[in-house]
Amino acid sequence: MKALEELQIMTKGLEDKEIHSGYWYSIGNTLTILICGMLCGLKTIDDIHDWAISSPSRELLKIERIFSRAQFYNILKVVDSEKFKLAFY
């Protein structure tokens, strides 16, 4: 579980209050869900969303509000890819 906690800390650090103000959902949670889903072998947003809303995944991730599939796309559009790459390394 330590790796998941570190991943959540890393992704939360990518949120920029000025850029991301007004979003109802956490940029960090979105990225955590996406990364974990991809590590599970899921290839599409639809598959990752279905995985994320399942009870075992919600319990594992400890994320209360899972957003819609469309919201994944909206949030991904505002993530700074350079900051993400540097943080992930």
N, C-alpha and C. Protein backbone atom coordinates (compact mmCIF):
# COMPACT_ATOMS: atom_id res chain seq x y z
N MET A 1 0.81 -1.21 0.00
CA MET A 1 0.00 0.00 0.00
C MET A 1 0.85 1.27 0.00
N LYS A 2 2.08 1.14 0.40
CA LYS A 2 2.94 2.32 0.42
C LYS A 2 3.10 2.91 -0.98
N ALA A 3 3.21 2.07 -1.99
CA ALA A 3 3.37 2.57 -3.36
C ALA A 3 2.13 3.36 -3.79
N LEU A 4 0.94 2.88 -3.44
CA LEU A 4 -0.29 3.60 -3.78
C LEU A 4 -0.34 4.95 -3.08
N GLU A 5 0.06 4.98 -1.82
CA GLU A 5 0.06 6.25 -1.09
C GLU A 5 1.05 7.23 -1.71
N GLU A 6 2.21 6.75 -2.11
CA GLU A 6 3.19 7.62 -2.74
C GLU A 6 2.69 8.13 -4.09
N LEU A 7 2.00 7.26 -4.84
CA LEU A 7 1.41 7.67 -6.11
C LEU A 7 0.37 8.76 -5.89
N GLN A 8 -0.46 8.61 -4.87
CA GLN A 8 -1.49 9.61 -4.59
C GLN A 8 -0.87 10.94 -4.18
N ILE A 9 0.20 10.90 -3.42
CA ILE A 9 0.89 12.14 -3.03
C ILE A 9 1.49 12.81 -4.26
N MET A 10 2.13 12.01 -5.11
CA MET A 10 2.76 12.55 -6.32
C MET A 10 1.72 13.20 -7.23
N THR A 11 0.59 12.54 -7.45
CA THR A 11 -0.41 13.08 -8.37
C THR A 11 -1.13 14.29 -7.78
N LYS A 12 -1.32 14.32 -6.48
CA LYS A 12 -1.96 15.49 -5.86
C LYS A 12 -1.06 16.73 -5.99
N GLY A 13 0.24 16.51 -6.05
CA GLY A 13 1.18 17.60 -6.21
C GLY A 13 1.11 18.26 -7.58
N LEU A 14 0.42 17.64 -8.51
CA LEU A 14 0.29 18.19 -9.87
C LEU A 14 -0.87 19.17 -10.00
N GLU A 15 -1.70 19.27 -8.96
CA GLU A 15 -2.84 20.18 -9.03
C GLU A 15 -2.36 21.61 -8.85
N ASP A 16 -2.81 22.46 -9.71
CA ASP A 16 -2.48 23.87 -9.67
C ASP A 16 -3.77 24.63 -9.35
N LYS A 17 -3.81 25.25 -8.19
CA LYS A 17 -5.04 25.91 -7.73
C LYS A 17 -5.54 26.96 -8.71
N GLU A 18 -4.63 27.68 -9.36
CA GLU A 18 -5.05 28.72 -10.30
C GLU A 18 -5.66 28.12 -11.56
N ILE A 19 -5.03 27.09 -12.07
CA ILE A 19 -5.51 26.48 -13.32
C ILE A 19 -6.72 25.59 -13.07
N HIS A 20 -6.70 24.86 -11.99
CA HIS A 20 -7.72 23.84 -11.75
C HIS A 20 -8.84 24.29 -10.81
N SER A 21 -8.92 25.56 -10.50
CA SER A 21 -10.01 26.02 -9.65
C SER A 21 -11.33 25.84 -10.39
N GLY A 22 -12.33 25.43 -9.67
CA GLY A 22 -13.63 25.22 -10.29
C GLY A 22 -13.90 23.77 -10.65
N TYR A 23 -12.85 22.94 -10.64
CA TYR A 23 -13.07 21.52 -10.89
C TYR A 23 -13.62 20.87 -9.63
N TRP A 24 -14.61 20.06 -9.79
CA TRP A 24 -15.24 19.41 -8.65
C TRP A 24 -14.48 18.17 -8.22
N TYR A 25 -13.62 17.71 -9.11
CA TYR A 25 -12.91 16.47 -8.85
C TYR A 25 -11.42 16.71 -8.81
N SER A 26 -10.74 15.87 -8.09
CA SER A 26 -9.32 16.02 -7.91
C SER A 26 -8.54 15.55 -9.14
N ILE A 27 -7.63 16.39 -9.59
CA ILE A 27 -6.74 16.02 -10.68
C ILE A 27 -5.89 14.83 -10.24
N GLY A 28 -5.42 14.90 -8.99
CA GLY A 28 -4.61 13.81 -8.45
C GLY A 28 -5.34 12.48 -8.42
N ASN A 29 -6.60 12.49 -7.99
CA ASN A 29 -7.38 11.25 -7.98
C ASN A 29 -7.59 10.71 -9.39
N THR A 30 -7.81 11.61 -10.33
CA THR A 30 -8.01 11.19 -11.71
C THR A 30 -6.78 10.47 -12.23
N LEU A 31 -5.63 11.06 -12.01
CA LEU A 31 -4.38 10.45 -12.48
C LEU A 31 -4.08 9.14 -11.75
N THR A 32 -4.38 9.09 -10.47
CA THR A 32 -4.17 7.86 -9.70
C THR A 32 -5.03 6.74 -10.27
N ILE A 33 -6.28 7.03 -10.53
CA ILE A 33 -7.19 6.03 -11.10
C ILE A 33 -6.68 5.56 -12.46
N LEU A 34 -6.29 6.50 -13.30
CA LEU A 34 -5.81 6.15 -14.64
C LEU A 34 -4.54 5.29 -14.59
N ILE A 35 -3.60 5.68 -13.77
CA ILE A 35 -2.35 4.92 -13.67
C ILE A 35 -2.61 3.53 -13.14
N CYS A 36 -3.39 3.42 -12.06
CA CYS A 36 -3.70 2.10 -11.50
C CYS A 36 -4.45 1.23 -12.50
N GLY A 37 -5.39 1.83 -13.21
CA GLY A 37 -6.13 1.08 -14.23
C GLY A 37 -5.22 0.57 -15.32
N MET A 38 -4.30 1.40 -15.77
CA MET A 38 -3.37 0.97 -16.81
C MET A 38 -2.44 -0.12 -16.29
N LEU A 39 -2.01 -0.02 -15.04
CA LEU A 39 -1.17 -1.06 -14.45
C LEU A 39 -1.91 -2.39 -14.34
N CYS A 40 -3.24 -2.32 -14.28
CA CYS A 40 -4.07 -3.54 -14.25
C CYS A 40 -4.31 -4.09 -15.65
N GLY A 41 -3.78 -3.42 -16.65
CA GLY A 41 -3.90 -3.90 -18.02
C GLY A 41 -5.09 -3.33 -18.79
N LEU A 42 -5.77 -2.36 -18.22
CA LEU A 42 -6.92 -1.75 -18.90
C LEU A 42 -6.43 -0.75 -19.92
N LYS A 43 -7.09 -0.71 -21.06
CA LYS A 43 -6.59 0.09 -22.18
C LYS A 43 -7.46 1.29 -22.56
N THR A 44 -8.69 1.33 -22.12
CA THR A 44 -9.57 2.44 -22.52
C THR A 44 -10.12 3.15 -21.29
N ILE A 45 -10.55 4.39 -21.51
CA ILE A 45 -11.18 5.15 -20.42
C ILE A 45 -12.43 4.42 -19.93
N ASP A 46 -13.20 3.85 -20.84
CA ASP A 46 -14.41 3.12 -20.44
C ASP A 46 -14.06 1.97 -19.51
N ASP A 47 -13.04 1.20 -19.86
CA ASP A 47 -12.64 0.07 -19.01
C ASP A 47 -12.13 0.55 -17.65
N ILE A 48 -11.34 1.61 -17.67
CA ILE A 48 -10.79 2.14 -16.42
C ILE A 48 -11.92 2.68 -15.55
N HIS A 49 -12.88 3.37 -16.15
CA HIS A 49 -14.01 3.90 -15.39
C HIS A 49 -14.81 2.76 -14.76
N ASP A 50 -15.12 1.72 -15.54
CA ASP A 50 -15.86 0.58 -15.00
C ASP A 50 -15.11 -0.08 -13.86
N TRP A 51 -13.80 -0.19 -14.00
CA TRP A 51 -12.97 -0.76 -12.95
C TRP A 51 -13.00 0.12 -11.70
N ALA A 52 -12.89 1.43 -11.89
CA ALA A 52 -12.82 2.38 -10.77
C ALA A 52 -14.11 2.41 -9.96
N ILE A 53 -15.27 2.21 -10.60
CA ILE A 53 -16.53 2.30 -9.85
C ILE A 53 -16.90 0.98 -9.16
N SER A 54 -16.12 -0.07 -9.40
CA SER A 54 -16.41 -1.33 -8.72
C SER A 54 -16.05 -1.22 -7.24
N SER A 55 -16.75 -1.95 -6.41
CA SER A 55 -16.54 -1.88 -4.96
C SER A 55 -15.10 -2.17 -4.54
N PRO A 56 -14.48 -3.25 -5.05
CA PRO A 56 -13.10 -3.51 -4.62
C PRO A 56 -12.14 -2.38 -4.97
N SER A 57 -12.30 -1.81 -6.13
CA SER A 57 -11.41 -0.71 -6.55
C SER A 57 -11.63 0.52 -5.70
N ARG A 58 -12.88 0.83 -5.42
CA ARG A 58 -13.17 2.00 -4.58
C ARG A 58 -12.59 1.83 -3.19
N GLU A 59 -12.65 0.61 -2.69
CA GLU A 59 -12.09 0.34 -1.36
C GLU A 59 -10.57 0.47 -1.40
N LEU A 60 -9.95 -0.06 -2.45
CA LEU A 60 -8.50 0.01 -2.59
C LEU A 60 -8.03 1.45 -2.72
N LEU A 61 -8.68 2.20 -3.60
CA LEU A 61 -8.25 3.57 -3.90
C LEU A 61 -8.65 4.57 -2.82
N LYS A 62 -9.67 4.24 -2.05
CA LYS A 62 -10.18 5.14 -1.00
C LYS A 62 -10.58 6.50 -1.58
N ILE A 63 -11.24 6.45 -2.74
CA ILE A 63 -11.74 7.66 -3.40
C ILE A 63 -13.26 7.60 -3.35
N GLU A 64 -13.87 8.57 -2.68
CA GLU A 64 -15.32 8.54 -2.47
C GLU A 64 -16.11 8.81 -3.74
N ARG A 65 -15.76 9.86 -4.44
CA ARG A 65 -16.54 10.26 -5.61
C ARG A 65 -15.79 9.89 -6.89
N ILE A 66 -16.35 8.96 -7.63
CA ILE A 66 -15.78 8.60 -8.93
C ILE A 66 -16.62 9.33 -9.98
N PHE A 67 -15.97 10.02 -10.84
CA PHE A 67 -16.63 10.87 -11.80
C PHE A 67 -16.99 10.11 -13.07
N SER A 68 -17.66 10.79 -13.95
CA SER A 68 -18.11 10.16 -15.21
C SER A 68 -16.94 9.96 -16.17
N ARG A 69 -17.19 9.14 -17.17
CA ARG A 69 -16.18 8.90 -18.21
C ARG A 69 -15.78 10.22 -18.89
N ALA A 70 -16.75 11.04 -19.19
CA ALA A 70 -16.48 12.32 -19.85
C ALA A 70 -15.58 13.21 -19.00
N GLN A 71 -15.76 13.15 -17.70
CA GLN A 71 -14.95 13.98 -16.80
C GLN A 71 -13.48 13.58 -16.85
N PHE A 72 -13.20 12.29 -17.07
CA PHE A 72 -11.81 11.87 -17.24
C PHE A 72 -11.16 12.67 -18.37
N TYR A 73 -11.84 12.74 -19.50
CA TYR A 73 -11.30 13.46 -20.66
C TYR A 73 -11.12 14.95 -20.35
N ASN A 74 -12.11 15.55 -19.69
CA ASN A 74 -12.03 16.97 -19.36
C ASN A 74 -10.84 17.27 -18.46
N ILE A 75 -10.62 16.41 -17.49
CA ILE A 75 -9.52 16.63 -16.56
C ILE A 75 -8.18 16.39 -17.24
N LEU A 76 -8.10 15.36 -18.06
CA LEU A 76 -6.83 15.07 -18.74
C LEU A 76 -6.38 16.21 -19.65
N LYS A 77 -7.34 16.96 -20.18
CA LYS A 77 -6.99 18.08 -21.06
C LYS A 77 -6.22 19.17 -20.34
N VAL A 78 -6.38 19.30 -19.03
CA VAL A 78 -5.75 20.39 -18.31
C VAL A 78 -4.49 19.98 -17.55
N VAL A 79 -4.12 18.72 -17.64
CA VAL A 79 -2.91 18.26 -16.95
C VAL A 79 -1.68 18.67 -17.76
N ASP A 80 -0.74 19.26 -17.07
CA ASP A 80 0.52 19.66 -17.70
C ASP A 80 1.38 18.41 -17.87
N SER A 81 1.56 17.97 -19.10
CA SER A 81 2.27 16.72 -19.36
C SER A 81 3.72 16.75 -18.90
N GLU A 82 4.36 17.90 -18.99
CA GLU A 82 5.76 18.01 -18.55
C GLU A 82 5.86 17.83 -17.03
N LYS A 83 4.97 18.49 -16.29
CA LYS A 83 4.97 18.34 -14.83
C LYS A 83 4.68 16.89 -14.45
N PHE A 84 3.75 16.28 -15.17
CA PHE A 84 3.41 14.89 -14.88
C PHE A 84 4.62 14.00 -15.13
N LYS A 85 5.28 14.19 -16.25
CA LYS A 85 6.45 13.36 -16.59
C LYS A 85 7.53 13.51 -15.52
N LEU A 86 7.83 14.73 -15.12
CA LEU A 86 8.86 14.97 -14.11
C LEU A 86 8.48 14.38 -12.75
N ALA A 87 7.23 14.52 -12.38
CA ALA A 87 6.77 13.98 -11.10
C ALA A 87 6.78 12.45 -11.10
N PHE A 88 6.42 11.87 -12.22
CA PHE A 88 6.31 10.42 -12.31
C PHE A 88 7.69 9.77 -12.29
N TYR A 89 8.68 10.42 -12.87
CA TYR A 89 10.04 9.87 -12.84
C TYR A 89 10.54 9.86 -11.42
